[in-house]
């Protein structure tokens, strides 16, 4: 039996499924409601249907719209981890350049 991990963005306005991971072959995914708020639940049910256990990880948010970058910058602003600091700096620099060219 495999274990399925699903990381959803239930706290976002579009309730995206952000990450799917597992140590097994996935069940058939063709008929899942992609690009919908019910994808995470449908994916979990598909995993359970083939007797995989399901763990839903912490909620988060995706970055697929320009305004999502502001939220990401806010979340990363106090980060001390070097890679996250580098991401913060990159996003911040991009935003400053966009404002100057607007």
Protein backbone atom coordinates (compact mmCIF):
# COMPACT_ATOMS: atom_id res chain seq x y z
CA UNK A 1 0.00 0.00 0.00
CA UNK A 2 1.30 3.46 -0.88
CA UNK A 3 0.93 6.72 0.93
CA UNK A 4 -0.35 9.82 -0.82
CA UNK A 5 0.52 13.33 0.36
CA UNK A 6 -1.66 16.19 -0.84
CA UNK A 7 -0.76 19.81 -0.12
CA UNK A 8 -3.77 22.03 -0.74
CA UNK A 9 -4.31 25.76 -0.78
CA UNK A 10 -7.66 25.72 0.96
CA UNK A 11 -6.98 29.16 2.43
CA UNK A 12 -6.61 30.71 -1.03
CA UNK A 13 -9.43 32.10 -3.10
CA UNK A 14 -9.05 29.34 -5.69
CA UNK A 15 -8.45 26.40 -3.29
CA UNK A 16 -5.72 24.98 -5.49
CA UNK A 17 -3.94 21.70 -5.05
CA UNK A 18 -0.33 22.79 -4.84
CA UNK A 19 1.59 19.55 -4.57
CA UNK A 20 0.95 15.87 -5.08
CA UNK A 21 3.50 13.34 -3.88
CA UNK A 22 3.56 9.64 -3.22
CA UNK A 23 5.68 6.51 -3.09
CA UNK A 24 3.56 4.52 -5.53
CA UNK A 25 2.00 4.58 -8.96
CA UNK A 26 -0.84 7.09 -9.04
CA UNK A 27 -4.37 5.91 -9.75
CA UNK A 28 -5.97 7.05 -13.01
CA UNK A 29 -5.88 10.87 -13.01
CA UNK A 30 -7.51 11.61 -16.36
CA UNK A 31 -11.04 12.19 -15.07
CA UNK A 32 -10.11 14.38 -12.09
CA UNK A 33 -11.58 17.91 -11.97
CA UNK A 34 -8.34 19.75 -12.81
CA UNK A 35 -8.34 23.53 -12.23
CA UNK A 36 -11.18 23.29 -9.74
CA UNK A 37 -11.49 23.69 -5.99
CA UNK A 38 -12.51 20.03 -5.66
CA UNK A 39 -9.28 18.59 -7.12
CA UNK A 40 -7.67 17.87 -3.74
CA UNK A 41 -10.71 16.01 -2.42
CA UNK A 42 -11.15 14.08 -5.69
CA UNK A 43 -7.47 13.15 -5.74
CA UNK A 44 -7.64 11.92 -2.15
CA UNK A 45 -10.72 9.84 -2.94
CA UNK A 46 -9.00 8.32 -5.99
CA UNK A 47 -6.05 7.33 -3.79
CA UNK A 48 -8.34 5.81 -1.16
CA UNK A 49 -10.25 3.90 -3.87
CA UNK A 50 -7.04 1.98 -4.68
CA UNK A 51 -6.29 1.52 -0.96
CA UNK A 52 -3.53 4.11 -0.61
CA UNK A 53 -3.48 6.03 2.65
CA UNK A 54 -3.81 9.81 2.35
CA UNK A 55 -2.16 12.56 4.39
CA UNK A 56 -3.13 16.16 3.80
CA UNK A 57 -0.28 18.48 4.62
CA UNK A 58 -0.49 22.03 5.93
CA UNK A 59 -2.41 24.56 3.96
CA UNK A 60 -0.62 27.12 1.86
CA UNK A 61 -1.13 29.28 -1.19
CA UNK A 62 -0.07 29.25 -4.78
CA UNK A 63 1.55 32.07 -6.72
CA UNK A 64 -0.17 32.26 -10.08
CA UNK A 65 -1.31 35.89 -10.20
CA UNK A 66 0.77 39.07 -9.88
CA UNK A 67 -0.91 40.05 -6.61
CA UNK A 68 0.15 36.69 -5.14
CA UNK A 69 3.75 37.93 -5.24
CA UNK A 70 2.91 40.59 -2.65
CA UNK A 71 1.60 37.90 -0.31
CA UNK A 72 4.72 35.81 -0.89
CA UNK A 73 6.99 38.77 -0.17
CA UNK A 74 5.09 39.36 3.06
CA UNK A 75 5.45 35.71 4.11
CA UNK A 76 9.16 35.65 3.26
CA UNK A 77 10.05 39.01 4.79
CA UNK A 78 11.16 37.56 8.15
CA UNK A 79 12.72 34.36 6.76
CA UNK A 80 16.24 33.50 7.84
CA UNK A 81 16.78 30.42 5.65
CA UNK A 82 19.30 31.41 2.92
CA UNK A 83 17.31 30.03 -0.03
CA UNK A 84 14.12 31.74 1.13
CA UNK A 85 16.02 35.00 1.71
CA UNK A 86 17.35 34.75 -1.85
CA UNK A 87 13.82 34.20 -3.18
CA UNK A 88 12.58 37.17 -1.16
CA UNK A 89 15.35 39.38 -2.58
CA UNK A 90 14.66 38.23 -6.14
CA UNK A 91 10.92 38.88 -5.92
CA UNK A 92 11.45 42.21 -4.17
CA UNK A 93 13.93 43.33 -6.84
CA UNK A 94 11.58 42.29 -9.65
CA UNK A 95 8.71 44.21 -8.07
CA UNK A 96 10.83 47.35 -7.65
CA UNK A 97 11.87 47.17 -11.33
CA UNK A 98 8.23 46.73 -12.38
CA UNK A 99 7.17 49.78 -10.35
CA UNK A 100 9.97 51.90 -11.86
CA UNK A 101 8.97 50.89 -15.40
CA UNK A 102 5.24 51.41 -14.86
